Protein backbone atom coordinates (compact mmCIF):
# COMPACT_ATOMS: atom_id res chain seq x y z
CA UNK A 1 145.53 118.44 30.04
CA UNK A 2 144.38 122.02 29.40
CA UNK A 3 140.86 123.45 29.27
CA UNK A 4 140.68 127.08 28.19
CA UNK A 5 137.05 127.50 29.12
CA UNK A 6 134.97 128.44 32.14
CA UNK A 7 134.39 125.18 34.01
CA UNK A 8 131.17 125.20 36.05
CA UNK A 9 131.06 121.53 36.94
CA UNK A 10 134.20 119.53 37.83
CA UNK A 11 133.56 115.94 38.97
CA UNK A 12 136.01 113.11 39.65
CA UNK A 13 134.33 109.71 39.22
CA UNK A 14 135.19 106.27 37.83
CA UNK A 15 133.06 106.13 34.69
CA UNK A 16 134.60 102.86 33.42
CA UNK A 17 134.91 101.13 36.86
CA UNK A 18 138.59 100.33 36.36
CA UNK A 19 139.46 101.61 39.84
CA UNK A 20 140.92 104.97 38.69
CA UNK A 21 139.06 108.26 39.12
CA UNK A 22 138.28 109.94 35.80
CA UNK A 23 137.38 113.63 35.36
CA UNK A 24 134.33 115.30 33.84
CA UNK A 25 134.43 119.07 33.17
CA UNK A 26 131.14 120.88 32.42
CA UNK A 27 131.93 124.15 30.58
CA UNK A 28 129.93 127.30 30.10
CA UNK A 29 130.11 131.07 30.13
CA UNK A 30 128.07 134.17 30.93
CA UNK A 31 125.51 134.51 28.16
CA UNK A 32 125.32 137.71 26.15
CA UNK A 33 125.22 139.16 22.63
CA UNK A 34 128.07 138.38 20.19
CA UNK A 35 129.77 141.01 18.00
CA UNK A 36 127.62 139.92 15.06
CA UNK A 37 124.45 140.47 17.04
CA UNK A 38 123.85 136.79 17.64
CA UNK A 39 123.66 134.95 21.01
CA UNK A 40 127.18 134.65 22.44
CA UNK A 41 129.30 134.82 25.61
CA UNK A 42 130.99 137.71 27.34
CA UNK A 43 134.77 137.55 27.63
CA UNK A 44 136.58 140.11 29.71
CA UNK A 45 133.88 142.75 29.13
CA UNK A 46 133.97 142.01 25.38
CA UNK A 47 131.88 139.58 23.42
CA UNK A 48 132.89 136.34 21.70
CA UNK A 49 131.53 135.42 18.31
CA UNK A 50 130.62 131.84 19.21
CA UNK A 51 129.40 129.70 22.06
CA UNK A 52 131.82 127.67 24.22
CA UNK A 53 133.07 124.30 23.16
CA UNK A 54 131.71 120.97 24.33
CA UNK A 55 131.99 119.52 27.83
CA UNK A 56 135.03 117.28 28.26
CA UNK A 57 135.48 113.78 29.71
CA UNK A 58 139.04 112.82 30.71
CA UNK A 59 139.90 109.14 31.20
CA UNK A 60 142.51 108.31 33.87
CA UNK A 61 145.38 106.36 32.30
CA UNK A 62 146.42 104.97 35.70
CA UNK A 63 149.91 106.50 35.46
CA UNK A 64 149.11 110.04 36.55
CA UNK A 65 147.98 111.22 33.12
CA UNK A 66 144.55 111.70 31.55
CA UNK A 67 143.25 111.31 28.02
CA UNK A 68 140.41 113.28 26.42
CA UNK A 69 137.76 110.73 25.44
CA UNK A 70 134.97 113.25 24.85
CA UNK A 71 134.60 112.54 21.12
CA UNK A 72 133.49 108.93 21.51
CA UNK A 73 131.77 109.39 24.91
CA UNK A 74 128.69 111.16 23.52
CA UNK A 75 129.34 114.22 25.69
CA UNK A 76 131.06 116.48 23.08
CA UNK A 77 128.11 118.81 22.51
CA UNK A 78 128.28 122.61 22.40
CA UNK A 79 125.93 123.37 25.28
CA UNK A 80 126.18 126.21 27.75
CA UNK A 81 126.38 123.93 30.84
CA UNK A 82 126.31 125.53 34.32
CA UNK A 83 125.89 122.51 36.57
CA UNK A 84 126.52 118.73 36.63
CA UNK A 85 125.93 115.84 39.02
CA UNK A 86 126.51 112.08 38.95
CA UNK A 87 124.53 109.08 40.18
CA UNK A 88 123.63 105.55 39.17
CA UNK A 89 120.19 106.20 37.70
CA UNK A 90 119.49 102.64 36.46
CA UNK A 91 121.38 100.85 39.27
CA UNK A 92 123.74 99.00 36.91
CA UNK A 93 126.83 99.97 38.91
CA UNK A 94 128.05 102.62 36.43
CA UNK A 95 127.72 106.37 37.09
CA UNK A 96 125.36 108.35 34.85
CA UNK A 97 125.58 112.14 34.32
CA UNK A 98 122.95 114.83 34.66
CA UNK A 99 123.75 118.35 33.37
CA UNK A 100 121.94 121.70 33.46
CA UNK A 101 122.15 123.81 30.25
CA UNK A 102 121.23 127.42 29.55
CA UNK A 103 120.45 129.14 26.25
CA UNK A 104 122.70 128.31 23.33
CA UNK A 105 122.67 128.94 19.56
CA UNK A 106 120.28 126.05 18.93
CA UNK A 107 116.92 126.51 20.69
CA UNK A 108 116.32 122.77 20.39
CA UNK A 109 119.36 122.21 22.63
CA UNK A 110 118.17 124.43 25.47
CA UNK A 111 117.34 121.47 27.70
CA UNK A 112 118.76 119.80 30.81
CA UNK A 113 120.15 116.40 29.85
CA UNK A 114 120.62 112.98 31.48
CA UNK A 115 123.41 110.82 29.99
CA UNK A 116 123.16 107.09 30.57
CA UNK A 117 126.50 105.29 30.94
CA UNK A 118 126.56 102.28 28.58
CA UNK A 119 130.11 101.20 29.41
CA UNK A 120 128.90 98.22 31.44
CA UNK A 121 126.86 96.94 28.51
CA UNK A 122 129.88 97.12 26.24
CA UNK A 123 132.17 95.50 28.85
CA UNK A 124 129.95 93.10 30.87
CA UNK A 125 132.78 91.51 32.85
CA UNK A 126 133.67 94.62 34.87
CA UNK A 127 132.60 94.41 38.55
CA UNK A 128 131.70 97.11 41.05
CA UNK A 129 130.35 97.73 44.56
CA UNK A 130 128.20 100.57 45.87
CA UNK A 131 127.99 101.71 49.52
CA UNK A 132 125.06 103.63 51.03
CA UNK A 133 125.74 104.91 54.57
CA UNK A 134 123.32 105.93 57.33
CA UNK A 135 124.74 107.78 60.32
CA UNK A 136 123.60 107.30 63.93
CA UNK A 137 126.02 109.19 66.15
CA UNK A 138 127.08 111.05 63.02
CA UNK A 139 124.65 112.93 60.74
CA UNK A 140 122.03 110.74 59.04
CA UNK A 141 123.44 111.24 55.51
CA UNK A 142 126.94 110.38 56.80
CA UNK A 143 128.36 113.54 55.20
CA UNK A 144 132.06 113.72 55.98
CA UNK A 145 132.49 109.94 56.16
CA UNK A 146 135.38 108.25 54.32
CA UNK A 147 135.03 104.82 52.71
CA UNK A 148 138.06 102.62 51.95
CA UNK A 149 138.23 99.35 50.01
CA UNK A 150 141.41 97.32 49.77
CA UNK A 151 142.96 93.94 48.98
CA UNK A 152 145.66 92.34 51.08
CA UNK A 153 147.87 91.92 48.03
CA UNK A 154 147.63 95.66 47.31
CA UNK A 155 146.06 95.15 43.91
CA UNK A 156 143.16 97.44 44.83
CA UNK A 157 142.96 100.36 47.20
CA UNK A 158 140.40 103.14 46.76
CA UNK A 159 138.95 105.97 48.85
CA UNK A 160 135.65 107.81 48.56
CA UNK A 161 134.35 110.68 50.72
CA UNK A 162 130.69 111.58 51.18
CA UNK A 163 130.32 115.29 50.38
CA UNK A 164 127.44 117.71 50.82
CA UNK A 165 128.05 119.43 47.48
CA UNK A 166 130.38 119.52 44.49
CA UNK A 167 130.62 121.80 41.47
CA UNK A 168 128.48 124.88 40.93
CA UNK A 169 124.91 124.54 42.31
CA UNK A 170 125.17 120.76 42.13
CA UNK A 171 124.75 117.80 44.46
CA UNK A 172 125.68 114.28 43.40
CA UNK A 173 124.36 111.04 44.91
CA UNK A 174 125.34 110.21 48.53
CA UNK A 175 125.88 106.59 47.41
CA UNK A 176 129.58 105.89 46.84
CA UNK A 177 130.58 103.66 43.91
CA UNK A 178 133.80 101.70 43.41
CA UNK A 179 134.99 99.98 40.24
CA UNK A 180 136.65 96.67 41.11
CA UNK A 181 137.60 95.42 37.65
CA UNK A 182 137.51 91.63 37.50
CA UNK A 183 137.92 90.97 41.26
CA UNK A 184 135.44 88.40 42.55
CA UNK A 185 135.75 89.45 46.24
CA UNK A 186 136.88 92.53 48.14
CA UNK A 187 138.95 91.79 51.25
CA UNK A 188 138.20 94.87 53.36
CA UNK A 189 135.63 97.65 53.47
CA UNK A 190 136.47 100.34 56.04
CA UNK A 191 134.31 103.34 57.01
CA UNK A 192 135.65 106.24 59.07
CA UNK A 193 132.63 108.09 60.48
CA UNK A 194 132.58 111.77 61.53
CA UNK A 195 131.85 110.58 65.08
CA UNK A 196 135.30 108.98 65.25
CA UNK A 197 134.03 105.43 64.92
CA UNK A 198 135.99 103.23 62.52
CA UNK A 199 133.97 100.31 61.15
CA UNK A 200 135.28 97.28 59.23
CA UNK A 201 133.52 94.75 56.99
CA UNK A 202 135.38 91.84 55.39
CA UNK A 203 134.90 89.66 52.30
CA UNK A 204 132.59 91.97 50.38
CA UNK A 205 130.77 90.59 47.35
CA UNK A 206 130.86 92.82 44.21
CA UNK A 207 127.98 93.94 41.96
CA UNK A 208 125.86 94.85 45.01
CA UNK A 209 124.78 97.92 46.88
CA UNK A 210 125.77 97.54 50.55
CA UNK A 211 123.61 99.47 53.03
CA UNK A 212 125.61 100.14 56.21
CA UNK A 213 124.31 101.75 59.41
CA UNK A 214 126.85 103.35 61.71
CA UNK A 215 128.06 100.86 64.34
CA UNK A 216 125.80 97.98 63.22
CA UNK A 217 126.55 94.51 61.80
CA UNK A 218 130.26 95.25 61.45
CA UNK A 219 133.05 92.71 61.63
CA UNK A 220 135.24 95.03 63.68
CA UNK A 221 135.03 98.44 65.39
CA UNK A 222 137.89 100.61 66.59
CA UNK A 223 139.02 104.11 67.41
CA UNK A 224 135.81 105.15 69.18
CA UNK A 225 136.91 108.53 70.55
CA UNK A 226 140.45 107.50 71.62
CA UNK A 227 140.79 110.81 73.45
CA UNK A 228 137.80 112.18 75.35
CA UNK A 229 135.87 114.79 73.35
CA UNK A 230 138.00 114.23 70.21
CA UNK A 231 137.55 112.06 67.12
CA UNK A 232 140.23 109.79 65.78
CA UNK A 233 141.70 112.59 63.67
CA UNK A 234 142.12 114.96 66.63
CA UNK A 235 139.10 117.13 65.92
CA UNK A 236 137.13 118.45 68.90
CA UNK A 237 133.63 116.99 68.83
CA UNK A 238 132.08 119.12 71.59
CA UNK A 239 131.91 122.76 72.57
CA UNK A 240 135.12 124.61 73.37
CA UNK A 241 134.94 126.60 76.61
CA UNK A 242 136.01 130.22 77.10
CA UNK A 243 139.59 129.15 77.89
CA UNK A 244 139.84 127.26 74.59
CA UNK A 245 139.64 123.80 76.19
CA UNK A 246 137.73 121.19 74.17
CA UNK A 247 134.90 119.97 76.36
CA UNK A 248 135.90 122.38 79.11
CA UNK A 249 133.32 123.67 81.55
CA UNK A 250 134.55 127.22 82.04
CA UNK A 251 132.20 130.03 81.05
CA UNK A 252 132.30 133.78 81.29
CA UNK A 253 130.73 135.12 84.45
CA UNK A 254 128.54 138.21 84.42
CA UNK A 255 131.62 140.42 84.66
CA UNK A 256 133.21 138.83 81.58
CA UNK A 257 135.81 136.84 83.52
CA UNK A 258 136.42 133.38 82.06
CA UNK A 259 135.86 130.83 84.79
CA UNK A 260 135.02 133.62 87.19
CA UNK A 261 132.75 133.12 90.19
CA UNK A 262 131.08 136.51 89.91
CA UNK A 263 133.05 137.81 92.89
CA UNK A 264 133.94 140.93 90.92
CA UNK A 265 130.34 142.02 91.30
CA UNK A 266 129.57 142.43 94.98
CA UNK A 267 126.06 143.60 94.26
CA UNK A 268 126.57 147.10 92.93
CA UNK A 269 128.05 146.32 89.50
CA UNK A 270 131.17 144.69 88.15
CA UNK A 271 134.35 145.92 89.83
CA UNK A 272 132.35 148.42 91.96
CA UNK A 273 132.31 148.76 95.76
CA UNK A 274 129.74 146.57 97.48
CA UNK A 275 126.66 147.62 99.49
CA UNK A 276 127.27 149.98 102.42
CA UNK A 277 125.46 151.69 105.29
CA UNK A 278 123.29 150.03 107.90
CA UNK A 279 120.71 149.16 105.20
CA UNK A 280 123.41 147.41 103.14
CA UNK A 281 122.47 149.10 99.88
CA UNK A 282 124.66 150.52 97.18
CA UNK A 283 125.95 154.00 98.10
CA UNK A 284 124.11 154.15 101.45
CA UNK A 285 125.38 156.35 104.37
CA UNK A 286 122.68 155.43 106.92
CA UNK A 287 123.70 154.43 110.51
CA UNK A 288 122.04 152.58 113.40
CA UNK A 289 120.45 154.43 116.36
CA UNK A 290 121.09 153.51 120.02
CA UNK A 291 118.82 150.50 119.68
CA UNK A 292 120.54 149.25 116.51
CA UNK A 293 117.71 150.37 114.24
CA UNK A 294 118.99 151.50 110.88
CA UNK A 295 118.25 155.23 110.56
CA UNK A 296 116.09 154.91 113.71
CA UNK A 297 115.12 157.70 116.18
CA UNK A 298 115.56 155.71 119.43
CA UNK A 299 111.80 155.27 119.95
CA UNK A 300 112.24 151.52 120.38
CA UNK A 301 113.22 152.06 124.07
CA UNK A 302 110.05 152.83 126.12
CA UNK A 303 111.76 152.74 129.50
CA UNK A 304 112.70 149.13 130.02
CA UNK A 305 115.39 148.73 127.33
CA UNK A 306 115.55 148.50 123.53
CA UNK A 307 112.80 146.39 121.99
CA UNK A 308 111.55 145.49 125.48
CA UNK A 309 107.96 146.11 126.49
CA UNK A 310 107.34 148.91 128.92
CA UNK A 311 106.23 148.56 132.56
CA UNK A 312 103.69 145.80 133.01
CA UNK A 313 101.87 143.69 135.55
CA UNK A 314 99.54 144.83 138.34
CA UNK A 315 102.56 146.48 140.03
CA UNK A 316 103.47 148.37 136.75
CA UNK A 317 107.17 147.48 136.80
CA UNK A 318 109.52 146.39 133.96
CA UNK A 319 109.19 142.74 133.13
CA UNK A 320 106.46 142.14 135.70
CA UNK A 321 103.99 139.34 135.09
CA UNK A 322 102.09 139.74 138.33
CA UNK A 323 98.30 139.74 138.21
CA UNK A 324 95.57 140.38 140.75
CA UNK A 325 94.28 137.19 142.33
CA UNK A 326 90.59 136.44 142.84
CA UNK A 327 90.77 138.33 146.12
CA UNK A 328 91.92 141.44 144.16
CA UNK A 329 95.39 141.20 145.74
CA UNK A 330 98.33 141.99 143.35
CA UNK A 331 100.47 138.88 143.12
CA UNK A 332 98.28 137.18 145.71
CA UNK A 333 97.63 133.46 146.08
CA UNK A 334 93.87 133.67 146.76
CA UNK A 335 94.34 132.76 150.43
CA UNK A 336 92.78 135.96 151.72
CA UNK A 337 89.36 135.08 150.33
CA UNK A 338 89.44 131.29 150.51
CA UNK A 339 87.21 129.49 153.01
CA UNK A 340 84.46 126.92 153.53
CA UNK A 341 81.42 127.89 151.48
CA UNK A 342 79.09 125.09 152.76
CA UNK A 343 76.65 126.68 155.16
CA UNK A 344 76.10 123.48 157.17
CA UNK A 345 79.83 123.11 157.92
CA UNK A 346 81.19 124.10 161.31
CA UNK A 347 83.76 126.47 159.71
CA UNK A 348 81.41 128.08 157.16
CA UNK A 349 82.80 131.49 156.00
CA UNK A 350 80.13 133.83 154.71
CA UNK A 351 82.81 136.12 153.14
CA UNK A 352 84.70 133.42 151.25
CA UNK A 353 84.95 133.81 147.42
CA UNK A 354 86.87 130.59 146.77
CA UNK A 355 85.87 127.27 148.26
CA UNK A 356 88.22 125.83 150.82
CA UNK A 357 88.16 122.80 153.14
CA UNK A 358 85.09 122.35 155.31
CA UNK A 359 84.88 120.83 158.79
CA UNK A 360 81.74 118.98 159.74
CA UNK A 361 80.43 117.87 163.14
CA UNK A 362 80.86 114.23 164.13
CA UNK A 363 77.89 112.03 163.33
CA UNK A 364 75.00 112.61 165.73
CA UNK A 365 76.84 115.63 167.26
CA UNK A 366 76.68 119.35 166.69
CA UNK A 367 79.74 121.56 166.10
CA UNK A 368 80.10 122.04 169.88
CA UNK A 369 80.22 118.27 170.53
CA UNK A 370 76.67 117.95 171.87
CA UNK A 371 74.61 114.86 171.00
CA UNK A 372 71.77 115.97 168.84
CA UNK A 373 69.59 112.84 169.20
CA UNK A 374 66.77 111.96 171.60
CA UNK A 375 65.80 108.72 173.17
CA UNK A 376 67.89 106.39 175.18
CA UNK A 377 67.74 105.75 178.90
CA UNK A 378 67.59 109.41 179.81
CA UNK A 379 66.06 110.64 176.56
CA UNK A 380 69.30 112.49 175.78
CA UNK A 381 70.26 110.46 172.69
CA UNK A 382 72.74 108.18 174.44
CA UNK A 383 72.19 104.39 174.56
CA UNK A 384 72.84 102.03 177.45
CA UNK A 385 76.64 102.15 176.65
CA UNK A 386 76.57 105.99 176.65
CA UNK A 387 76.99 106.15 172.85
CA UNK A 388 75.17 108.99 171.15
CA UNK A 389 72.80 107.32 168.72
CA UNK A 390 73.89 103.88 169.91
CA UNK A 391 71.64 100.87 169.68
CA UNK A 392 72.30 99.16 173.00
CA UNK A 393 68.91 99.01 174.77
CA UNK A 394 69.81 96.36 177.30
CA UNK A 395 69.20 98.75 180.15
CA UNK A 396 65.69 99.54 178.95
CA UNK A 397 62.59 97.67 179.97
CA UNK A 398 60.84 95.50 177.39
CA UNK A 399 57.85 97.75 177.45
CA UNK A 400 59.97 100.79 176.64
CA UNK A 401 62.10 99.09 173.94
CA UNK A 402 59.26 97.96 171.65
CA UNK A 403 57.72 100.80 169.65
CA UNK A 404 54.01 101.16 169.41
CA UNK A 405 54.00 102.00 165.68
CA UNK A 406 55.85 101.09 162.48
CA UNK A 407 57.77 104.34 161.85
CA UNK A 408 60.96 106.12 160.75
CA UNK A 409 62.19 107.66 164.03
CA UNK A 410 65.05 109.90 162.78
CA UNK A 411 67.40 110.69 159.86
CA UNK A 412 70.57 112.45 160.97
CA UNK A 413 72.28 114.52 159.86
CA UNK A 414 70.01 115.80 157.15
CA UNK A 415 71.40 117.35 154.97
CA UNK A 416 74.41 115.00 155.20
CA UNK A 417 77.82 114.38 153.55
CA UNK A 418 78.39 111.59 152.91
CA UNK A 419 77.08 109.34 155.78
CA UNK A 420 73.59 109.47 157.22
CA UNK A 421 72.06 107.42 160.10
CA UNK A 422 68.45 106.26 159.91
CA UNK A 423 66.55 104.92 162.98
CA UNK A 424 63.22 103.16 162.76
CA UNK A 425 60.88 101.03 164.89
CA UNK A 426 58.96 97.78 164.26
CA UNK A 427 56.06 97.01 166.62
CA UNK A 428 55.80 93.30 165.67
CA UNK A 429 58.18 90.77 164.18
CA UNK A 430 57.89 90.88 160.36
CA UNK A 431 59.75 91.01 157.04
CA UNK A 432 61.19 94.53 156.57
CA UNK A 433 62.69 96.31 153.52
CA UNK A 434 64.53 99.68 153.38
CA UNK A 435 65.48 101.27 150.00
CA UNK A 436 66.98 104.57 148.74
CA UNK A 437 65.46 106.09 145.52
CA UNK A 438 66.32 109.21 143.51
CA UNK A 439 63.68 111.72 142.40
CA UNK A 440 63.32 109.86 139.07
CA UNK A 441 62.06 106.82 140.97
CA UNK A 442 65.20 104.81 140.25
CA UNK A 443 66.49 102.44 142.95
CA UNK A 444 69.83 103.74 144.20
CA UNK A 445 70.62 101.44 147.15
CA UNK A 446 69.00 98.74 149.34
CA UNK A 447 69.77 99.14 153.05
CA UNK A 448 67.78 96.21 154.46
CA UNK A 449 65.71 93.32 153.14
CA UNK A 450 65.16 90.67 155.87
CA UNK A 451 62.91 89.36 158.66
CA UNK A 452 63.30 91.41 161.89
CA UNK A 453 61.94 91.09 165.43
CA UNK A 454 59.97 93.85 167.07
CA UNK A 455 62.17 96.69 168.31
CA UNK A 456 64.08 99.87 167.40
CA UNK A 457 66.82 99.72 164.74
CA UNK A 458 69.56 102.00 163.37
CA UNK A 459 71.20 101.73 159.91
CA UNK A 460 73.80 103.88 158.03
CA UNK A 461 74.06 104.83 154.30
CA UNK A 462 77.44 105.95 152.95
CA UNK A 463 76.67 108.04 149.82
CA UNK A 464 80.32 108.75 149.03
CA UNK A 465 79.95 107.63 145.37
CA UNK A 466 76.62 109.38 144.80
CA UNK A 467 76.08 112.91 143.44
CA UNK A 468 74.58 115.70 145.48
CA UNK A 469 70.80 115.82 145.41
CA UNK A 470 67.52 114.85 147.04
CA UNK A 471 66.86 111.18 147.77
CA UNK A 472 63.84 109.31 149.23
CA UNK A 473 64.15 106.62 151.92
CA UNK A 474 61.22 104.15 151.81
CA UNK A 475 60.68 101.70 154.71
CA UNK A 476 58.25 98.82 153.99
CA UNK A 477 56.78 96.14 156.21
CA UNK A 478 54.23 93.46 155.51
CA UNK A 479 51.43 95.89 156.27
CA UNK A 480 52.81 99.42 156.17
CA UNK A 481 55.01 101.82 154.15
CA UNK A 482 56.89 104.88 155.49
CA UNK A 483 59.04 107.41 153.53
CA UNK A 484 61.22 110.42 154.27
CA UNK A 485 63.39 112.83 152.22
CA UNK A 486 67.21 112.95 152.49
CA UNK A 487 69.45 115.79 151.17
CA UNK A 488 73.04 114.96 150.13
CA UNK A 489 75.29 118.06 149.94
CA UNK A 490 78.88 117.70 148.80
């Protein structure tokens, strides 16, 4: 077949659904002015005298040859066609044609035209199937997918490919159509997706549009990326690294080395010497001083070594931590001004600045060991057993042992710490109570609460658990009350 025209649209499609791809050629030219001054086409910088011939439809004879069937197809019109696309407009299973026309010699013909395919109405027994794909891993329109239909007996085997464009400025339908003749069932429908997935569907009914989503509702799947990063046809599906490896991870480092670690830039630029000098900067010549200070002047040694504090302590020597003690002695332990600071103690030190242990006289004695009480057989404070402050009055006469008045005879020592002895006398036998109170009037301790015969008595109060302060001793009988102040100093 020969077409001596400028073909703008060239489309292979099966217009009669016999299973063979036919050919439609949309012809046109560059519009211009003809030699006679009328509308015409330019030819090799000259001008023709007439418009181009009609578009041509070639029918596939099935033996490798084609036959021009334009005259009875309804397409043999002299239009200046610059684009053509196919699609099943009325969904009858037969492709229709849409063409774009420019100006021609008949103004009434200057229109785009849609040609409806009536072949199915003339031949109602011819069957077909249409396939509409939707990609998931692949692109949504499934562009690049291949669709195969076949019969086991080899009677039918066809291939369609979903393209993103065909012919000049044209895009046909993404729905693929197959003519199946008189076959009542198609054995196999196979889709090879751009992702590498191969999907099979079996026993396909004709005269239907089959909507197929990638990887869903298939009878069989295979060839899902047989080699990592590649599809089933050996095409790399991922990025190629700088070494040319499909799916590789190597990249150029900052110095332009593929797979490099950046070691060619040591901080001062690619393939340049690294930092230098004591400050570790590019091009530096600085050095450390005697104390290791970069570009230093040695002032970090103030007499006790580099970066060491100078003389210190109360003795002003290197590394000293000595301090004056409370006695103003450098490095002292406070012993030179430590002593008893209680002025009633026998070892009271008037010059002491820090309290130390105190020694007190034995009860009823002074610091020299003398009994400080009165009374007794010889009125020297000793009882009949020669005990200072003792209570044995067996050697005394009855007249001398019974006091004349209800009274507190003595409280010793006073001040005291922490034991004090209280002596008192009862002229007649009676119930006697003796209590210790603080200055708030609160009862602190009860020393005696019982019936006693007439006589002189001595009792002790150990105030070890009580705080220092002033206390009141109250002695009560059935008819009299006596009180006296006590001072506890700790």
